[in-house]
Amino acid sequence: MTHCLRDQRGFMLAEQLVSIIFIGLLCIVISAGMGAAMSAYGSITRQTVADNLLARAVETVSDEMAYARSVEGSGEFPAYVSAGYRETVQFYDPDAGFSPNGIMLATSTASVTLVPSQDGLIPVLDSVIYDETANAWTFDVSIREGESLPPLAEASLSVKRIGS
């Protein structure tokens, strides 16, 4: 029996406790790192979706403006004859009311969503100005998560009407 108590093979209790504590601390560090990585991934993914939605909104709005057949006057949010809808349309003015549906056009018969919202991100046409002397549109587009929140992405462009 005394021979078994003096056996030096295997790990002592203190060594096992130290290794268990070390593994526990390592798990805590890894889980904290994973949380930070997942948070960063979510933020980066959200910004990428916003940037893609902004690119789509800019392309769609600039095409709509560039191919306008005629524009009724100058100034902010003027009515124009759309090449795509073949009738007089007008962009919704965000000052008249925020649209959570996206960038909207008002036609004589209905409202049309030109650039829809995506994943809780809302494209907003902040301003549209037509300069009759230059035959050019100037517009600001932003991507927002809500009405009062700052934009995640924004762009300002000038587009000359084709055929003018």
C-alpha atoms as a PDB file:
ATOM      1  CA  MET A   1       0.000   0.000   0.000  1.00  0.00           C
ATOM      2  CA  THR A   2       2.779   2.422   0.790  1.00  0.00           C
ATOM      3  CA  HIS A   3       4.180   1.672  -2.621  1.00  0.00           C
ATOM      4  CA  CYS A   4       1.054   3.176  -4.291  1.00  0.00           C
ATOM      5  CA  LEU A   5       1.270   6.397  -2.281  1.00  0.00           C
ATOM      6  CA  ARG A   6       4.832   7.001  -3.342  1.00  0.00           C
ATOM      7  CA  ASP A   7       4.147   6.471  -7.031  1.00  0.00           C
ATOM      8  CA  GLN A   8       5.430   9.529  -8.943  1.00  0.00           C
ATOM      9  CA  ARG A   9       3.706   8.797 -12.268  1.00  0.00           C
ATOM     10  CA  GLY A  10       0.845  11.040 -13.533  1.00  0.00           C
ATOM     11  CA  PHE A  11      -0.103  14.638 -12.700  1.00  0.00           C
ATOM     12  CA  MET A  12      -0.440  16.172  -9.289  1.00  0.00           C
ATOM     13  CA  LEU A  13      -3.651  17.930  -8.289  1.00  0.00           C
ATOM     14  CA  ALA A  14      -2.005  21.375  -8.441  1.00  0.00           C
ATOM     15  CA  GLU A  15      -0.793  20.781 -11.991  1.00  0.00           C
ATOM     16  CA  GLN A  16      -4.274  19.726 -13.074  1.00  0.00           C
ATOM     17  CA  LEU A  17      -5.859  22.810 -11.466  1.00  0.00           C
ATOM     18  CA  VAL A  18      -3.372  25.130 -13.200  1.00  0.00           C
ATOM     19  CA  SER A  19      -4.082  23.554 -16.584  1.00  0.00           C
ATOM     20  CA  ILE A  20      -7.868  23.792 -16.038  1.00  0.00           C
ATOM     21  CA  ILE A  21      -7.577  27.468 -15.031  1.00  0.00           C
ATOM     22  CA  PHE A  22      -5.387  28.170 -18.064  1.00  0.00           C
ATOM     23  CA  ILE A  23      -7.880  26.486 -20.417  1.00  0.00           C
ATOM     24  CA  GLY A  24     -10.735  28.450 -18.794  1.00  0.00           C
ATOM     25  CA  LEU A  25      -8.934  31.776 -19.288  1.00  0.00           C
ATOM     26  CA  LEU A  26      -8.167  30.837 -22.871  1.00  0.00           C
ATOM     27  CA  CYS A  27     -11.867  30.110 -23.497  1.00  0.00           C
ATOM     28  CA  ILE A  28     -12.840  33.500 -22.024  1.00  0.00           C
ATOM     29  CA  VAL A  29     -10.359  35.316 -24.275  1.00  0.00           C
ATOM     30  CA  ILE A  30     -11.550  33.434 -27.360  1.00  0.00           C
ATOM     31  CA  SER A  31     -15.226  34.098 -26.624  1.00  0.00           C
ATOM     32  CA  ALA A  32     -14.561  37.827 -26.097  1.00  0.00           C
ATOM     33  CA  GLY A  33     -12.655  37.938 -29.373  1.00  0.00           C
ATOM     34  CA  MET A  34     -15.472  36.157 -31.179  1.00  0.00           C
ATOM     35  CA  GLY A  35     -18.001  38.673 -29.839  1.00  0.00           C
ATOM     36  CA  ALA A  36     -15.910  41.586 -31.064  1.00  0.00           C
ATOM     37  CA  ALA A  37     -15.362  39.907 -34.433  1.00  0.00           C
ATOM     38  CA  MET A  38     -19.082  39.235 -34.889  1.00  0.00           C
ATOM     39  CA  SER A  39     -19.912  42.843 -34.005  1.00  0.00           C
ATOM     40  CA  ALA A  40     -17.360  44.139 -36.507  1.00  0.00           C
ATOM     41  CA  TYR A  41     -18.665  41.721 -39.145  1.00  0.00           C
ATOM     42  CA  GLY A  42     -22.233  42.984 -38.639  1.00  0.00           C
ATOM     43  CA  SER A  43     -21.137  46.598 -38.917  1.00  0.00           C
ATOM     44  CA  ILE A  44     -19.071  45.972 -42.049  1.00  0.00           C
ATOM     45  CA  THR A  45     -21.882  43.974 -43.665  1.00  0.00           C
ATOM     46  CA  ARG A  46     -24.391  46.759 -42.918  1.00  0.00           C
ATOM     47  CA  GLN A  47     -22.102  49.379 -44.467  1.00  0.00           C
ATOM     48  CA  THR A  48     -21.549  47.201 -47.555  1.00  0.00           C
ATOM     49  CA  VAL A  49     -25.298  46.789 -48.069  1.00  0.00           C
ATOM     50  CA  ALA A  50     -25.708  50.572 -47.661  1.00  0.00           C
ATOM     51  CA  ASP A  51     -22.965  51.263 -50.223  1.00  0.00           C
ATOM     52  CA  ASN A  52     -24.531  48.836 -52.720  1.00  0.00           C
ATOM     53  CA  LEU A  53     -27.974  50.366 -52.215  1.00  0.00           C
ATOM     54  CA  LEU A  54     -26.480  53.837 -52.717  1.00  0.00           C
ATOM     55  CA  ALA A  55     -24.844  52.755 -55.988  1.00  0.00           C
ATOM     56  CA  ARG A  56     -28.144  51.300 -57.211  1.00  0.00           C
ATOM     57  CA  ALA A  57     -30.071  54.427 -56.173  1.00  0.00           C
ATOM     58  CA  VAL A  58     -27.593  56.767 -57.874  1.00  0.00           C
ATOM     59  CA  GLU A  59     -27.670  54.720 -61.083  1.00  0.00           C
ATOM     60  CA  THR A  60     -31.471  54.471 -61.178  1.00  0.00           C
ATOM     61  CA  VAL A  61     -32.110  58.131 -60.355  1.00  0.00           C
ATOM     62  CA  SER A  62     -29.432  59.443 -62.725  1.00  0.00           C
ATOM     63  CA  ASP A  63     -30.801  57.272 -65.567  1.00  0.00           C
ATOM     64  CA  GLU A  64     -34.319  58.537 -64.885  1.00  0.00           C
ATOM     65  CA  MET A  65     -33.103  62.139 -64.990  1.00  0.00           C
ATOM     66  CA  ALA A  66     -30.728  61.788 -67.935  1.00  0.00           C
ATOM     67  CA  TYR A  67     -33.424  60.302 -70.166  1.00  0.00           C
ATOM     68  CA  ALA A  68     -36.173  62.754 -69.147  1.00  0.00           C
ATOM     69  CA  ARG A  69     -37.946  63.815 -72.336  1.00  0.00           C
ATOM     70  CA  SER A  70     -38.842  67.273 -71.051  1.00  0.00           C
ATOM     71  CA  VAL A  71     -38.773  69.135 -67.758  1.00  0.00           C
ATOM     72  CA  GLU A  72     -41.465  71.524 -66.601  1.00  0.00           C
ATOM     73  CA  GLY A  73     -39.556  74.544 -65.299  1.00  0.00           C
ATOM     74  CA  SER A  74     -36.561  74.846 -63.003  1.00  0.00           C
ATOM     75  CA  GLY A  75     -36.059  74.599 -59.280  1.00  0.00           C
ATOM     76  CA  GLU A  76     -36.463  71.868 -56.700  1.00  0.00           C
ATOM     77  CA  PHE A  77     -38.334  68.640 -57.443  1.00  0.00           C
ATOM     78  CA  PRO A  78     -39.760  69.733 -60.830  1.00  0.00           C
ATOM     79  CA  ALA A  79     -42.178  67.577 -62.798  1.00  0.00           C
ATOM     80  CA  TYR A  80     -40.812  65.960 -65.957  1.00  0.00           C
ATOM     81  CA  VAL A  81     -41.832  63.539 -68.677  1.00  0.00           C
ATOM     82  CA  SER A  82     -40.262  60.175 -67.889  1.00  0.00           C
ATOM     83  CA  ALA A  83     -38.905  58.093 -70.766  1.00  0.00           C
ATOM     84  CA  GLY A  84     -39.637  54.907 -68.823  1.00  0.00           C
ATOM     85  CA  TYR A  85     -43.199  55.711 -67.744  1.00  0.00           C
ATOM     86  CA  ARG A  86     -44.046  57.902 -70.781  1.00  0.00           C
ATOM     87  CA  GLU A  87     -45.957  60.403 -68.683  1.00  0.00           C
ATOM     88  CA  THR A  88     -45.352  63.361 -66.413  1.00  0.00           C
ATOM     89  CA  VAL A  89     -43.892  62.283 -63.075  1.00  0.00           C
ATOM     90  CA  GLN A  90     -42.343  63.955 -60.062  1.00  0.00           C
ATOM     91  CA  PHE A  91     -40.054  62.730 -57.285  1.00  0.00           C
ATOM     92  CA  TYR A  92     -41.483  62.872 -53.774  1.00  0.00           C
ATOM     93  CA  ASP A  93     -40.033  65.731 -51.768  1.00  0.00           C
ATOM     94  CA  PRO A  94     -38.696  64.349 -48.435  1.00  0.00           C
ATOM     95  CA  ASP A  95     -39.567  67.673 -46.761  1.00  0.00           C
ATOM     96  CA  ALA A  96     -43.214  66.960 -47.536  1.00  0.00           C
ATOM     97  CA  GLY A  97     -42.990  63.666 -45.659  1.00  0.00           C
ATOM     98  CA  PHE A  98     -40.440  60.917 -45.103  1.00  0.00           C
ATOM     99  CA  SER A  99     -41.144  57.760 -47.111  1.00  0.00           C
ATOM    100  CA  PRO A 100     -39.936  54.535 -45.462  1.00  0.00           C
ATOM    101  CA  ASN A 101     -40.586  52.742 -48.771  1.00  0.00           C
ATOM    102  CA  GLY A 102     -37.637  54.307 -50.598  1.00  0.00           C
ATOM    103  CA  ILE A 103     -37.335  56.767 -53.471  1.00  0.00           C
ATOM    104  CA  MET A 104     -40.817  57.333 -54.871  1.00  0.00           C
ATOM    105  CA  LEU A 105     -42.237  58.831 -58.069  1.00  0.00           C
ATOM    106  CA  ALA A 106     -45.706  60.319 -58.305  1.00  0.00           C
ATOM    107  CA  THR A 107     -47.428  59.659 -61.624  1.00  0.00           C
ATOM    108  CA  SER A 108     -50.844  60.891 -62.669  1.00  0.00           C
ATOM    109  CA  THR A 109     -52.419  57.587 -61.639  1.00  0.00           C
ATOM    110  CA  ALA A 110     -50.278  56.076 -58.877  1.00  0.00           C
ATOM    111  CA  SER A 111     -47.163  56.172 -56.768  1.00  0.00           C
ATOM    112  CA  VAL A 112     -44.204  54.160 -58.010  1.00  0.00           C
ATOM    113  CA  THR A 113     -41.284  52.968 -55.904  1.00  0.00           C
ATOM    114  CA  LEU A 114     -38.235  53.703 -58.038  1.00  0.00           C
ATOM    115  CA  VAL A 115     -35.643  52.451 -55.518  1.00  0.00           C
ATOM    116  CA  PRO A 116     -37.151  50.310 -52.723  1.00  0.00           C
ATOM    117  CA  SER A 117     -35.890  49.992 -49.161  1.00  0.00           C
ATOM    118  CA  GLN A 118     -33.716  46.979 -48.421  1.00  0.00           C
ATOM    119  CA  ASP A 119     -32.951  45.242 -45.109  1.00  0.00           C
ATOM    120  CA  GLY A 120     -34.190  48.212 -43.079  1.00  0.00           C
ATOM    121  CA  LEU A 121     -32.070  50.667 -45.078  1.00  0.00           C
ATOM    122  CA  ILE A 122     -33.993  53.476 -46.758  1.00  0.00           C
ATOM    123  CA  PRO A 123     -32.765  55.345 -49.844  1.00  0.00           C
ATOM    124  CA  VAL A 124     -33.738  59.024 -49.626  1.00  0.00           C
ATOM    125  CA  LEU A 125     -33.611  61.602 -52.405  1.00  0.00           C
ATOM    126  CA  ASP A 126     -32.661  64.595 -50.251  1.00  0.00           C
ATOM    127  CA  SER A 127     -32.759  67.192 -53.018  1.00  0.00           C
ATOM    128  CA  VAL A 128     -33.347  67.439 -56.753  1.00  0.00           C
ATOM    129  CA  ILE A 129     -32.683  70.668 -58.613  1.00  0.00           C
ATOM    130  CA  TYR A 130     -33.042  71.213 -62.343  1.00  0.00           C
ATOM    131  CA  ASP A 131     -31.113  74.049 -63.992  1.00  0.00           C
ATOM    132  CA  GLU A 132     -32.965  74.930 -67.183  1.00  0.00           C
ATOM    133  CA  THR A 133     -30.137  77.023 -68.638  1.00  0.00           C
ATOM    134  CA  ALA A 134     -27.566  74.218 -68.270  1.00  0.00           C
ATOM    135  CA  ASN A 135     -30.082  71.414 -68.962  1.00  0.00           C
ATOM    136  CA  ALA A 136     -28.636  69.610 -65.957  1.00  0.00           C
ATOM    137  CA  TRP A 137     -29.947  67.953 -62.819  1.00  0.00           C
ATOM    138  CA  THR A 138     -28.201  68.121 -59.454  1.00  0.00           C
ATOM    139  CA  PHE A 139     -29.298  65.690 -56.773  1.00  0.00           C
ATOM    140  CA  ASP A 140     -28.334  64.329 -53.349  1.00  0.00           C
ATOM    141  CA  VAL A 141     -29.048  60.725 -52.346  1.00  0.00           C
ATOM    142  CA  SER A 142     -28.508  59.224 -48.908  1.00  0.00           C
ATOM    143  CA  ILE A 143     -29.053  55.834 -47.311  1.00  0.00           C
ATOM    144  CA  ARG A 144     -30.554  55.930 -43.819  1.00  0.00           C
ATOM    145  CA  GLU A 145     -31.701  53.487 -41.162  1.00  0.00           C
ATOM    146  CA  GLY A 146     -34.408  55.839 -39.954  1.00  0.00           C
ATOM    147  CA  GLU A 147     -35.780  59.306 -40.465  1.00  0.00           C
ATOM    148  CA  SER A 148     -33.730  61.108 -37.837  1.00  0.00           C
ATOM    149  CA  LEU A 149     -30.556  59.008 -37.940  1.00  0.00           C
ATOM    150  CA  PRO A 150     -27.462  60.233 -39.796  1.00  0.00           C
ATOM    151  CA  PRO A 151     -26.896  58.683 -43.235  1.00  0.00           C
ATOM    152  CA  LEU A 152     -24.787  55.546 -43.600  1.00  0.00           C
ATOM    153  CA  ALA A 153     -23.830  56.561 -47.147  1.00  0.00           C
ATOM    154  CA  GLU A 154     -24.503  59.598 -49.307  1.00  0.00           C
ATOM    155  CA  ALA A 155     -23.649  61.033 -52.710  1.00  0.00           C
ATOM    156  CA  SER A 156     -24.161  64.264 -54.655  1.00  0.00           C
ATOM    157  CA  LEU A 157     -24.214  64.210 -58.451  1.00  0.00           C
ATOM    158  CA  SER A 158     -24.911  66.342 -61.482  1.00  0.00           C
ATOM    159  CA  VAL A 159     -26.435  64.762 -64.576  1.00  0.00           C
ATOM    160  CA  LYS A 160     -26.906  66.406 -67.949  1.00  0.00           C
ATOM    161  CA  ARG A 161     -30.044  65.508 -69.873  1.00  0.00           C
ATOM    162  CA  ILE A 162     -29.332  63.384 -72.938  1.00  0.00           C
ATOM    163  CA  GLY A 163     -30.438  64.997 -76.174  1.00  0.00           C
ATOM    164  CA  SER A 164     -30.613  68.480 -74.689  1.00  0.00           C
END
